N, C-alpha and C. Protein backbone atom coordinates (compact mmCIF):
# COMPACT_ATOMS: atom_id res chain seq x y z
N MET A 1 97.73 30.01 59.47
CA MET A 1 96.91 31.47 59.89
C MET A 1 97.76 32.65 60.72
N ASN A 2 97.79 33.48 60.12
CA ASN A 2 98.68 34.42 61.34
C ASN A 2 98.04 35.08 61.74
N SER A 3 98.62 34.97 63.16
CA SER A 3 97.52 35.76 64.16
C SER A 3 97.63 37.01 64.17
N PRO A 4 96.23 37.83 65.03
CA PRO A 4 96.49 38.94 64.76
C PRO A 4 97.49 40.15 65.56
N SER A 5 98.48 40.91 64.56
CA SER A 5 99.63 41.53 65.51
C SER A 5 99.25 42.40 66.89
N LEU A 6 99.59 42.37 67.72
CA LEU A 6 99.19 43.03 69.00
C LEU A 6 100.45 44.37 69.06
N ARG A 7 99.71 45.31 69.49
CA ARG A 7 100.57 47.04 69.67
C ARG A 7 100.46 46.93 71.41
N ALA A 8 101.73 47.00 71.97
CA ALA A 8 102.15 47.06 73.21
C ALA A 8 101.50 48.48 73.41
N ILE A 9 100.74 48.78 74.39
CA ILE A 9 100.72 49.63 74.96
C ILE A 9 101.02 49.94 76.50
N ASP A 10 101.95 51.54 76.30
CA ASP A 10 102.78 51.53 77.77
C ASP A 10 101.90 52.29 78.65
N PRO A 11 101.61 51.63 80.03
CA PRO A 11 100.77 52.13 80.90
C PRO A 11 101.34 53.10 81.53
N SER A 12 102.30 53.23 81.62
CA SER A 12 102.93 54.71 82.89
C SER A 12 102.52 55.92 81.95
N PRO A 13 102.36 56.83 83.76
CA PRO A 13 101.61 57.94 83.24
C PRO A 13 102.30 59.19 82.36
N ALA A 14 103.59 59.08 81.84
CA ALA A 14 104.45 59.26 80.60
C ALA A 14 103.79 59.42 79.62
N ALA A 15 103.05 58.18 79.37
CA ALA A 15 102.58 57.71 78.12
C ALA A 15 101.36 58.55 77.98
N ALA A 16 100.85 58.90 79.29
CA ALA A 16 99.32 59.86 79.08
C ALA A 16 99.23 61.34 78.73
N ASP A 17 98.73 62.26 78.20
CA ASP A 17 98.66 63.41 77.94
C ASP A 17 98.94 64.60 79.53
N ASP A 18 100.57 64.70 79.82
CA ASP A 18 100.86 65.43 80.69
C ASP A 18 99.93 66.78 81.02
N ASP A 19 99.27 67.04 80.28
CA ASP A 19 98.41 68.36 80.41
C ASP A 19 97.34 68.15 80.83
N GLN A 20 96.87 66.83 80.87
CA GLN A 20 95.09 66.92 81.25
C GLN A 20 94.87 66.94 82.35
N GLY A 21 94.16 68.30 83.05
CA GLY A 21 93.43 68.35 84.31
C GLY A 21 94.68 69.16 84.91
N VAL A 22 95.95 69.78 84.44
CA VAL A 22 96.92 70.81 85.10
C VAL A 22 96.58 72.35 84.59
N PRO A 23 96.13 72.78 85.35
CA PRO A 23 95.60 74.47 84.96
C PRO A 23 96.61 75.36 84.18
N VAL A 24 96.27 75.75 83.11
CA VAL A 24 97.58 76.23 82.76
C VAL A 24 98.54 77.32 83.41
N SER A 25 97.50 77.99 83.85
CA SER A 25 98.41 79.05 85.02
C SER A 25 99.79 78.26 85.57
N VAL A 26 99.54 77.69 86.00
CA VAL A 26 100.43 76.01 86.98
C VAL A 26 101.49 76.00 85.72
N LYS A 27 101.17 75.84 84.45
CA LYS A 27 102.00 75.01 83.27
C LYS A 27 102.94 76.28 83.20
N ILE A 28 102.55 77.41 83.11
CA ILE A 28 103.03 78.43 82.50
C ILE A 28 104.45 79.15 83.42
N ARG A 29 103.51 79.03 85.42
CA ARG A 29 104.86 79.15 86.26
C ARG A 29 105.48 77.78 86.66
N GLU A 30 105.49 76.99 85.60
CA GLU A 30 106.62 76.28 86.09
C GLU A 30 107.35 76.46 84.93
N ARG A 31 107.27 77.11 83.96
CA ARG A 31 108.31 77.35 82.83
C ARG A 31 109.11 78.80 83.26
N LEU A 32 108.68 79.34 83.76
CA LEU A 32 108.99 80.81 84.35
C LEU A 32 110.25 80.18 85.74
N LYS A 33 109.71 79.25 86.10
CA LYS A 33 110.60 79.38 87.59
C LYS A 33 111.51 78.06 86.82
N ALA A 34 111.68 77.00 86.05
CA ALA A 34 112.88 76.61 85.03
C ALA A 34 113.31 77.41 84.80
N ALA A 35 113.03 78.30 83.86
CA ALA A 35 114.09 79.87 83.89
C ALA A 35 114.33 80.18 84.29
N GLN A 36 114.31 79.91 85.61
CA GLN A 36 114.77 81.69 86.84
C GLN A 36 114.57 82.46 86.49
N ARG A 37 112.79 82.90 86.38
CA ARG A 37 112.55 84.09 85.87
C ARG A 37 111.69 84.55 86.18
N ARG A 38 111.84 85.98 87.12
CA ARG A 38 111.10 86.60 88.09
C ARG A 38 109.28 86.80 87.19
N PHE A 39 108.43 86.58 87.77
CA PHE A 39 107.23 86.83 87.29
C PHE A 39 106.06 88.04 88.70
N HIS A 40 106.67 88.76 88.57
CA HIS A 40 106.05 89.45 89.70
C HIS A 40 105.17 90.47 88.82
N ALA A 41 104.03 91.31 89.94
CA ALA A 41 103.08 91.41 89.38
C ALA A 41 103.38 92.84 88.25
N ASN A 42 104.52 93.58 87.82
CA ASN A 42 104.85 94.45 86.93
C ASN A 42 105.81 93.73 85.78
N ASP A 43 106.09 92.67 86.19
CA ASP A 43 106.93 91.66 84.79
C ASP A 43 106.29 91.07 83.55
N ASN A 44 106.89 91.61 83.06
CA ASN A 44 105.79 90.74 81.28
C ASN A 44 106.35 89.43 81.22
N ILE A 45 105.40 88.23 80.59
CA ILE A 45 105.58 86.99 81.02
C ILE A 45 104.96 86.69 79.51
N ALA A 46 105.05 87.37 78.63
CA ALA A 46 104.58 86.53 77.66
C ALA A 46 105.40 85.67 76.70
N GLU A 47 106.85 85.59 76.61
CA GLU A 47 107.33 84.86 75.98
C GLU A 47 107.26 83.75 76.85
N PHE A 48 106.94 83.45 77.77
CA PHE A 48 106.11 81.76 78.42
C PHE A 48 105.03 81.35 78.15
N ILE A 49 104.48 82.13 77.30
CA ILE A 49 102.51 81.47 77.15
C ILE A 49 102.99 81.41 75.82
N GLU A 50 102.49 80.05 75.40
CA GLU A 50 102.15 79.24 74.28
C GLU A 50 101.14 79.50 73.27
N PRO A 51 100.96 79.50 72.33
CA PRO A 51 100.02 79.62 71.00
C PRO A 51 98.59 79.41 71.38
N GLY A 52 97.50 80.02 72.21
CA GLY A 52 96.01 78.98 72.76
C GLY A 52 96.18 79.04 74.31
N GLU A 53 97.43 78.94 74.81
CA GLU A 53 97.33 79.20 76.42
C GLU A 53 96.28 80.58 76.65
N LEU A 54 96.16 81.86 76.35
CA LEU A 54 96.25 83.14 76.96
C LEU A 54 94.48 82.65 76.57
N GLU A 55 93.81 82.01 75.60
CA GLU A 55 92.55 81.80 75.90
C GLU A 55 91.94 80.77 76.91
N ARG A 56 92.63 79.75 77.15
CA ARG A 56 93.14 78.96 78.30
C ARG A 56 93.11 79.80 79.74
N LEU A 57 94.15 80.66 79.65
CA LEU A 57 94.13 81.33 80.69
C LEU A 57 93.12 82.27 81.22
N LEU A 58 92.34 82.54 80.42
CA LEU A 58 90.81 83.74 80.39
C LEU A 58 90.21 82.78 80.97
N ASP A 59 89.70 81.55 80.29
CA ASP A 59 88.55 80.52 81.16
C ASP A 59 89.14 80.56 82.61
N GLU A 60 90.13 80.18 82.57
CA GLU A 60 90.80 79.72 84.06
C GLU A 60 89.95 81.40 85.08
N VAL A 61 90.47 82.13 84.90
CA VAL A 61 90.63 83.23 85.66
C VAL A 61 88.94 83.45 85.47
N GLN A 62 88.51 83.24 84.49
CA GLN A 62 86.45 83.58 84.82
C GLN A 62 86.63 83.07 85.81
N GLY A 63 86.78 81.16 86.06
CA GLY A 63 86.15 80.27 86.90
C GLY A 63 86.63 81.20 87.77
N LYS A 64 87.99 81.18 88.61
CA LYS A 64 88.42 82.10 89.63
C LYS A 64 87.78 82.99 90.11
N MET A 65 87.04 83.86 89.45
CA MET A 65 86.22 85.50 89.37
C MET A 65 85.45 84.73 89.81
N SER A 66 84.22 83.86 89.34
CA SER A 66 82.92 83.30 89.93
C SER A 66 83.41 83.10 91.08
N GLU A 67 84.31 82.44 91.47
CA GLU A 67 84.14 81.74 93.03
C GLU A 67 84.52 82.88 93.91
N VAL A 68 85.64 83.97 93.45
CA VAL A 68 85.40 85.43 94.44
C VAL A 68 83.86 86.07 94.43
N LEU A 69 83.38 85.94 92.92
CA LEU A 69 81.95 86.67 93.47
C LEU A 69 81.15 85.49 94.23
N SER A 70 81.34 84.50 94.58
CA SER A 70 80.14 83.47 95.20
C SER A 70 80.56 84.00 96.93
N SER A 71 81.85 83.75 96.74
CA SER A 71 82.57 84.08 98.04
C SER A 71 82.17 85.71 98.80
N LEU A 72 81.78 86.50 97.70
CA LEU A 72 81.26 87.74 98.17
C LEU A 72 79.94 87.61 98.41
N VAL A 73 78.91 86.26 98.71
CA VAL A 73 77.70 86.47 98.34
C VAL A 73 76.94 87.14 97.27
N ILE A 74 77.25 87.38 96.15
CA ILE A 74 76.89 87.83 95.31
C ILE A 74 75.69 86.85 94.15
N ASP A 75 74.62 87.04 93.62
CA ASP A 75 73.54 85.75 92.96
C ASP A 75 74.35 86.34 91.66
N THR A 76 74.84 85.68 91.03
CA THR A 76 75.49 85.60 89.86
C THR A 76 74.50 84.64 88.66
N GLU A 77 73.22 84.09 89.41
CA GLU A 77 72.56 83.21 88.24
C GLU A 77 71.19 84.78 88.13
N SER A 78 70.11 84.24 89.36
CA SER A 78 69.23 85.30 88.71
C SER A 78 69.41 86.76 88.84
N ASP A 79 70.73 87.70 89.31
CA ASP A 79 71.13 88.80 89.52
C ASP A 79 71.41 88.85 87.28
N HIS A 80 70.95 89.41 86.65
CA HIS A 80 71.26 89.67 85.28
C HIS A 80 72.62 90.59 85.01
N ASN A 81 72.91 92.05 86.02
CA ASN A 81 73.74 92.50 86.16
C ASN A 81 75.06 91.64 86.17
N THR A 82 75.05 90.71 86.87
CA THR A 82 76.89 89.83 87.08
C THR A 82 76.67 88.60 86.75
N GLN A 83 75.50 88.28 85.44
CA GLN A 83 75.08 86.87 85.20
C GLN A 83 77.02 86.81 84.12
N ASP A 84 77.35 87.81 83.71
CA ASP A 84 78.58 87.66 82.83
C ASP A 84 79.95 88.66 83.55
N THR A 85 79.79 88.69 84.79
CA THR A 85 80.88 90.01 85.51
C THR A 85 82.21 89.42 85.61
N ALA A 86 82.17 87.49 85.39
CA ALA A 86 83.35 86.96 85.99
C ALA A 86 84.33 86.90 84.48
N ARG A 87 83.51 86.98 83.28
CA ARG A 87 84.09 87.05 81.97
C ARG A 87 84.66 88.21 81.45
N ARG A 88 83.24 89.26 82.07
CA ARG A 88 83.86 90.47 81.93
C ARG A 88 85.33 90.60 82.45
N VAL A 89 85.60 90.59 83.93
CA VAL A 89 86.73 91.12 84.42
C VAL A 89 87.82 90.18 84.07
N ALA A 90 87.72 88.72 83.23
CA ALA A 90 88.66 88.06 83.00
C ALA A 90 89.30 88.68 81.60
N LYS A 91 88.51 89.23 81.23
CA LYS A 91 89.04 89.50 79.58
C LYS A 91 89.45 91.23 79.74
N MET A 92 89.21 91.85 80.68
CA MET A 92 89.57 93.09 81.10
C MET A 92 90.94 93.15 82.17
N TYR A 93 91.40 92.00 82.72
CA TYR A 93 92.66 91.45 83.38
C TYR A 93 93.71 91.14 81.86
N LEU A 94 93.37 90.38 81.20
CA LEU A 94 94.06 90.01 80.28
C LEU A 94 94.60 90.82 79.17
N HIS A 95 93.00 91.35 78.72
CA HIS A 95 93.39 91.96 77.23
C HIS A 95 93.54 93.63 77.46
N GLU A 96 93.13 93.98 78.34
CA GLU A 96 93.11 95.30 78.93
C GLU A 96 93.94 96.26 79.74
N ILE A 97 93.53 96.04 80.69
CA ILE A 97 94.40 96.85 82.22
C ILE A 97 95.49 96.13 82.52
N PHE A 98 95.65 94.62 82.41
CA PHE A 98 97.32 93.57 82.88
C PHE A 98 97.69 93.14 81.25
N LYS A 99 96.98 94.03 80.25
CA LYS A 99 97.73 93.32 79.01
C LYS A 99 99.22 93.43 78.74
N GLY A 100 99.88 94.61 79.74
CA GLY A 100 101.22 94.53 79.12
C GLY A 100 102.04 93.25 79.92
N ARG A 101 101.30 92.85 80.67
CA ARG A 101 101.88 91.21 81.03
C ARG A 101 101.76 90.15 80.16
N TYR A 102 101.29 90.18 80.01
CA TYR A 102 100.76 88.83 78.92
C TYR A 102 101.24 88.99 77.74
N HIS A 103 100.93 90.24 76.74
CA HIS A 103 100.95 90.59 75.43
C HIS A 103 102.71 91.38 75.24
N ALA A 104 103.18 90.58 73.95
CA ALA A 104 104.40 91.27 73.90
C ALA A 104 104.86 92.65 73.84
N ALA A 105 105.90 92.87 73.43
CA ALA A 105 105.92 94.46 73.22
C ALA A 105 105.49 94.82 71.76
N PRO A 106 104.47 95.51 71.78
CA PRO A 106 104.25 96.56 70.60
C PRO A 106 105.49 96.60 69.30
N PRO A 107 105.43 96.34 68.21
CA PRO A 107 106.51 96.80 67.28
C PRO A 107 106.69 98.36 67.22
N VAL A 108 108.12 98.58 66.86
CA VAL A 108 108.77 99.99 67.42
C VAL A 108 109.64 100.18 66.39
N THR A 109 109.60 101.25 65.47
CA THR A 109 110.27 101.14 64.24
C THR A 109 111.57 102.12 65.13
N GLU A 110 112.92 102.04 64.96
CA GLU A 110 114.21 102.81 65.25
C GLU A 110 114.42 102.81 64.00
N PHE A 111 115.17 104.43 64.06
CA PHE A 111 115.73 104.79 63.01
C PHE A 111 117.20 105.67 63.80
N PRO A 112 117.97 105.46 62.72
CA PRO A 112 119.30 106.91 63.04
C PRO A 112 119.18 107.52 62.84
N ASN A 113 119.92 108.78 64.06
CA ASN A 113 119.99 109.88 64.40
C ASN A 113 120.48 110.73 63.14
N VAL A 114 120.60 110.84 61.85
CA VAL A 114 120.86 111.36 60.32
C VAL A 114 121.34 112.81 60.78
N GLU A 115 120.73 113.46 61.46
CA GLU A 115 120.79 114.64 61.00
C GLU A 115 121.36 115.24 62.86
N ARG A 116 121.91 113.95 63.17
CA ARG A 116 122.93 114.58 64.77
C ARG A 116 122.35 115.55 65.69
N LEU A 117 120.55 115.42 65.87
CA LEU A 117 120.38 115.70 66.62
C LEU A 117 120.66 115.58 67.95
N ASN A 118 120.91 116.65 68.73
CA ASN A 118 121.18 116.64 70.14
C ASN A 118 120.70 118.15 71.21
N GLU A 119 119.57 118.36 70.66
CA GLU A 119 118.42 119.45 71.52
C GLU A 119 117.60 118.46 72.49
N LEU A 120 117.13 119.04 73.46
CA LEU A 120 116.20 118.58 74.34
C LEU A 120 114.78 118.12 73.68
N MET A 121 114.56 116.92 73.80
CA MET A 121 113.12 116.61 72.97
C MET A 121 112.23 116.73 74.04
N ILE A 122 110.91 116.88 73.82
CA ILE A 122 109.93 116.78 75.47
C ILE A 122 108.83 116.23 74.46
N VAL A 123 108.49 115.17 75.02
CA VAL A 123 107.40 114.24 74.34
C VAL A 123 106.68 114.37 75.74
N GLY A 124 105.33 114.63 75.17
CA GLY A 124 104.37 114.75 76.20
C GLY A 124 102.84 115.39 76.26
N PRO A 125 101.76 115.59 77.08
CA PRO A 125 101.66 114.46 77.74
C PRO A 125 100.89 113.38 77.08
N VAL A 126 101.43 112.14 78.04
CA VAL A 126 100.64 110.93 76.97
C VAL A 126 99.60 110.52 78.67
N THR A 127 98.62 110.59 78.33
CA THR A 127 97.34 109.66 79.27
C THR A 127 98.08 108.19 79.45
N VAL A 128 97.79 107.88 80.90
CA VAL A 128 98.68 106.30 81.18
C VAL A 128 97.13 106.11 82.11
N ARG A 129 96.90 104.62 81.80
CA ARG A 129 96.44 103.90 82.78
C ARG A 129 97.31 102.62 83.37
N SER A 130 97.04 102.80 84.87
CA SER A 130 97.16 101.59 85.65
C SER A 130 97.03 100.86 86.65
N ALA A 131 97.44 99.83 87.33
CA ALA A 131 96.58 100.00 89.05
C ALA A 131 97.60 99.49 89.80
N CYS A 132 97.25 99.85 91.04
CA CYS A 132 97.95 99.57 92.28
C CYS A 132 98.64 97.99 92.52
N SER A 133 99.60 98.18 92.75
CA SER A 133 99.43 96.44 92.85
C SER A 133 99.16 96.11 94.26
N HIS A 134 99.38 96.87 94.64
CA HIS A 134 98.37 96.69 96.52
C HIS A 134 97.11 96.28 96.68
N HIS A 135 96.58 97.28 96.17
CA HIS A 135 94.67 97.07 96.34
C HIS A 135 93.90 96.87 94.53
N LEU A 136 94.46 96.62 93.37
CA LEU A 136 94.68 96.92 92.00
C LEU A 136 93.54 97.82 91.92
N CYS A 137 93.58 98.78 92.43
CA CYS A 137 92.90 100.13 92.09
C CYS A 137 93.21 100.52 91.18
N PRO A 138 92.15 101.64 90.46
CA PRO A 138 92.79 102.58 89.07
C PRO A 138 94.03 103.55 89.58
N ILE A 139 95.17 104.06 88.36
CA ILE A 139 96.14 104.90 88.50
C ILE A 139 95.48 105.83 87.22
N ILE A 140 95.65 106.78 87.11
CA ILE A 140 95.07 107.52 85.58
C ILE A 140 96.20 108.71 85.99
N GLY A 141 96.69 108.87 84.95
CA GLY A 141 97.40 109.93 85.03
C GLY A 141 98.44 110.71 83.48
N LYS A 142 99.13 111.04 83.43
CA LYS A 142 100.11 111.52 82.70
C LYS A 142 101.21 111.43 82.46
N VAL A 143 102.44 111.14 81.28
CA VAL A 143 103.83 111.05 81.68
C VAL A 143 104.34 112.01 80.92
N TRP A 144 105.43 112.74 80.84
CA TRP A 144 106.43 113.59 80.27
C TRP A 144 107.59 112.60 80.15
N ILE A 145 108.08 112.96 78.87
CA ILE A 145 109.54 111.90 79.01
C ILE A 145 110.36 113.69 77.89
N GLY A 146 111.68 113.66 78.48
CA GLY A 146 112.66 114.36 78.07
C GLY A 146 114.26 113.71 77.44
N ILE A 147 113.86 113.95 76.67
CA ILE A 147 114.89 113.28 75.71
C ILE A 147 116.32 114.67 75.30
N MET A 148 117.97 113.77 75.54
CA MET A 148 118.71 114.60 75.29
C MET A 148 119.68 113.46 73.70
N PRO A 149 119.26 113.56 73.01
CA PRO A 149 119.82 112.66 72.25
C PRO A 149 121.08 112.99 71.52
N ASN A 150 122.09 112.13 70.91
CA ASN A 150 123.40 112.14 71.23
C ASN A 150 123.26 111.57 69.04
N GLU A 151 124.89 112.41 68.76
CA GLU A 151 125.10 111.55 66.98
C GLU A 151 124.17 109.48 67.24
N HIS A 152 124.63 109.50 67.92
CA HIS A 152 124.75 108.17 67.90
C HIS A 152 123.52 107.37 68.63
N SER A 153 122.83 107.88 69.07
CA SER A 153 121.31 107.36 69.48
C SER A 153 120.14 106.87 68.11
N ASN A 154 119.48 106.24 68.60
CA ASN A 154 118.17 105.73 67.81
C ASN A 154 117.34 106.62 68.31
N LEU A 155 116.40 106.60 66.77
CA LEU A 155 115.21 107.44 67.46
C LEU A 155 114.05 106.84 67.17
N ILE A 156 112.80 107.01 67.93
CA ILE A 156 111.35 106.60 67.54
C ILE A 156 110.46 108.02 67.12
N GLY A 157 108.87 107.29 66.32
CA GLY A 157 108.55 108.20 66.10
C GLY A 157 107.39 108.37 67.31
N LEU A 158 106.98 109.61 67.08
CA LEU A 158 106.39 110.31 68.39
C LEU A 158 105.24 109.40 68.93
N SER A 159 104.33 108.48 67.94
CA SER A 159 103.80 108.02 68.69
C SER A 159 103.60 106.75 69.16
N LYS A 160 104.84 106.43 68.94
CA LYS A 160 105.82 104.86 69.85
C LYS A 160 105.88 105.12 70.92
N TYR A 161 105.96 106.57 71.45
CA TYR A 161 106.43 106.75 73.04
C TYR A 161 104.95 106.09 74.00
N ALA A 162 103.56 106.62 72.93
CA ALA A 162 102.42 106.74 73.96
C ALA A 162 102.16 104.91 73.73
N ARG A 163 102.81 103.94 72.86
CA ARG A 163 102.58 102.53 72.99
C ARG A 163 103.35 101.72 73.36
N LEU A 164 104.49 102.22 73.99
CA LEU A 164 105.61 101.55 74.84
C LEU A 164 105.26 102.01 76.49
N ILE A 165 104.29 102.92 76.26
CA ILE A 165 104.22 103.40 77.73
C ILE A 165 103.00 102.73 78.22
N ASP A 166 102.06 102.96 77.01
CA ASP A 166 100.88 102.38 77.62
C ASP A 166 100.93 100.60 78.17
N TRP A 167 102.02 99.89 77.23
CA TRP A 167 102.61 98.41 77.41
C TRP A 167 103.05 98.11 78.54
N ILE A 168 103.87 99.28 78.81
CA ILE A 168 104.68 98.56 80.32
C ILE A 168 104.01 99.15 81.32
N MET A 169 103.01 100.44 81.28
CA MET A 169 101.65 100.78 82.40
C MET A 169 100.59 99.78 82.55
N SER A 170 100.24 99.24 81.54
CA SER A 170 99.50 98.37 81.63
C SER A 170 99.56 96.83 82.25
N ARG A 171 100.05 97.36 83.51
CA ARG A 171 100.33 95.75 84.76
C ARG A 171 100.21 96.44 86.08
N PRO A 172 99.71 95.63 87.16
CA PRO A 172 99.53 96.05 88.14
C PRO A 172 101.12 96.80 88.80
N GLN A 173 100.94 97.98 89.02
CA GLN A 173 102.33 98.69 89.45
C GLN A 173 102.07 99.21 90.72
N ILE A 174 103.12 99.95 90.94
CA ILE A 174 103.46 101.04 91.89
C ILE A 174 104.24 102.35 91.15
N GLN A 175 103.78 103.49 91.48
CA GLN A 175 103.92 104.60 90.26
C GLN A 175 105.64 104.40 90.40
N GLU A 176 106.65 104.51 91.50
CA GLU A 176 107.98 104.99 91.40
C GLU A 176 108.72 104.04 90.46
N GLU A 177 108.25 102.82 90.61
CA GLU A 177 108.43 101.48 89.27
C GLU A 177 108.46 101.24 88.01
N ALA A 178 107.28 101.87 88.00
CA ALA A 178 106.65 102.50 86.59
C ALA A 178 107.74 103.31 86.05
N VAL A 179 107.82 104.21 86.46
CA VAL A 179 108.80 105.63 86.05
C VAL A 179 109.90 105.03 85.42
N THR A 180 110.32 104.18 86.58
CA THR A 180 112.10 103.45 86.40
C THR A 180 111.85 102.29 84.95
N GLN A 181 110.93 101.40 85.09
CA GLN A 181 110.99 100.86 83.85
C GLN A 181 110.61 101.48 82.66
N VAL A 182 109.70 102.66 82.00
CA VAL A 182 109.97 103.31 81.13
C VAL A 182 111.11 104.44 81.13
N ALA A 183 111.85 104.46 82.02
CA ALA A 183 112.57 104.43 81.87
C ALA A 183 113.89 104.00 81.14
N ASP A 184 113.91 102.75 81.40
CA ASP A 184 115.16 101.28 81.16
C ASP A 184 114.75 101.50 79.80
N VAL A 185 113.35 101.17 79.43
CA VAL A 185 113.00 100.52 78.27
C VAL A 185 113.89 101.62 76.92
N LEU A 186 112.97 103.36 76.96
CA LEU A 186 113.60 104.13 76.57
C LEU A 186 114.87 104.21 76.52
N GLN A 187 115.95 104.01 77.39
CA GLN A 187 117.29 103.95 77.81
C GLN A 187 118.02 103.11 76.76
N SER A 188 117.39 101.89 76.88
CA SER A 188 118.25 100.63 76.66
C SER A 188 117.84 100.79 74.43
N ARG A 189 116.73 101.57 74.32
CA ARG A 189 116.34 101.61 72.65
C ARG A 189 116.96 102.86 72.04
N MET A 190 117.24 103.32 73.05
CA MET A 190 117.71 105.38 72.07
C MET A 190 119.36 105.60 72.94
N ASN A 191 119.53 104.75 73.91
CA ASN A 191 120.74 105.16 74.12
C ASN A 191 121.18 106.73 74.58
N PRO A 192 120.10 108.34 74.41
CA PRO A 192 120.49 108.97 74.79
C PRO A 192 121.66 109.74 75.76
N ASP A 193 122.02 110.85 75.72
CA ASP A 193 122.89 111.34 76.96
C ASP A 193 122.37 111.42 78.08
N GLY A 194 121.06 112.27 77.78
CA GLY A 194 119.95 112.29 78.93
C GLY A 194 118.71 111.46 78.97
N LEU A 195 117.90 111.64 79.76
CA LEU A 195 116.74 111.05 79.53
C LEU A 195 116.10 111.69 81.06
N ALA A 196 114.44 112.12 80.67
CA ALA A 196 114.44 112.61 82.57
C ALA A 196 112.43 111.51 82.28
N VAL A 197 111.80 110.82 82.92
CA VAL A 197 110.52 110.74 83.00
C VAL A 197 109.85 111.33 84.21
N VAL A 198 108.87 111.92 83.96
CA VAL A 198 108.16 112.54 84.98
C VAL A 198 106.32 112.05 84.85
N MET A 199 105.60 111.74 85.82
CA MET A 199 104.41 111.27 85.84
C MET A 199 103.98 111.66 87.10
N GLU A 200 102.19 112.05 86.41
CA GLU A 200 101.77 112.81 87.44
C GLU A 200 100.29 112.01 87.71
N ALA A 201 99.93 111.82 88.55
CA ALA A 201 98.60 110.66 88.11
C ALA A 201 97.98 110.32 89.50
N ASP A 202 96.35 110.55 89.38
CA ASP A 202 95.81 109.94 90.58
C ASP A 202 95.57 108.80 91.14
N HIS A 203 95.79 108.45 92.51
CA HIS A 203 95.61 106.95 92.87
C HIS A 203 94.29 106.89 93.63
N PHE A 204 94.00 106.18 92.78
CA PHE A 204 92.33 105.73 93.43
C PHE A 204 92.45 104.79 94.48
N CYS A 205 93.54 103.51 94.67
CA CYS A 205 93.70 103.29 96.47
C CYS A 205 93.45 104.21 97.45
N MET A 206 93.90 105.82 97.05
CA MET A 206 93.42 107.07 98.11
C MET A 206 91.93 107.29 97.61
N HIS A 207 91.67 107.54 96.76
CA HIS A 207 90.07 108.26 96.33
C HIS A 207 89.03 107.29 96.30
N TRP A 208 89.34 105.82 96.23
CA TRP A 208 88.40 105.00 95.81
C TRP A 208 88.00 104.47 96.73
N ARG A 209 88.94 104.40 97.77
CA ARG A 209 88.90 103.89 98.81
C ARG A 209 88.52 104.60 100.48
N GLY A 210 88.09 105.90 100.14
CA GLY A 210 87.73 106.50 101.26
C GLY A 210 88.89 107.36 102.02
N VAL A 211 90.07 107.26 101.69
CA VAL A 211 91.70 107.62 102.19
C VAL A 211 91.27 109.25 101.83
N LYS A 212 91.78 109.88 103.18
CA LYS A 212 91.74 111.85 102.78
C LYS A 212 92.77 111.71 101.72
N ASP A 213 92.60 112.66 101.08
CA ASP A 213 94.22 113.33 99.49
C ASP A 213 95.07 113.56 100.76
N MET A 214 96.19 113.89 100.66
CA MET A 214 97.21 114.31 101.02
C MET A 214 97.26 115.87 100.99
N ASP A 215 97.08 116.92 101.73
CA ASP A 215 97.00 118.26 101.51
C ASP A 215 98.96 118.29 100.64
């Protein structure tokens, strides 16, 4: 009579699910550190987020935001106005105002400068929204782009400027760094002879917080 076969079970922790109990934010951060990649507030980290993790990150942010509301002594159980606030804020951060951190760059079709255009092109104003990385207060304004292409420059459609600018601005920023990022992206894609980026915006870290406007 044959004895039943026995399957050896590896009791070591490595055999267990390494993901169990590890917050998704920790896993993403570990990937960034392993790759020696910066993850400042205005950096895009989309390539380090695996499929399905963004929704799990949303759940994690919602939980943390619930704790913030609780620490602010806001009753989110009986106050119908704030019962879903944590979820709304989490969605707003990940999919709207900070989406430029967590989503890949929008597709932008480039085409050669067949007509060898070399005149100054002005694009704008493009309406932009961002957030101050100091207080996470809104920054609302407009951007103008001036480009002097050459015969070797790649050109992009006018609507694509707005998509690229929105992708860059949808992160916690300071205005000076945001303008530099816009210029760097356009320079790398188009390689023009000249490029200028002008941004004019209202900073609600001044208006909203009650700080007096500067004359």
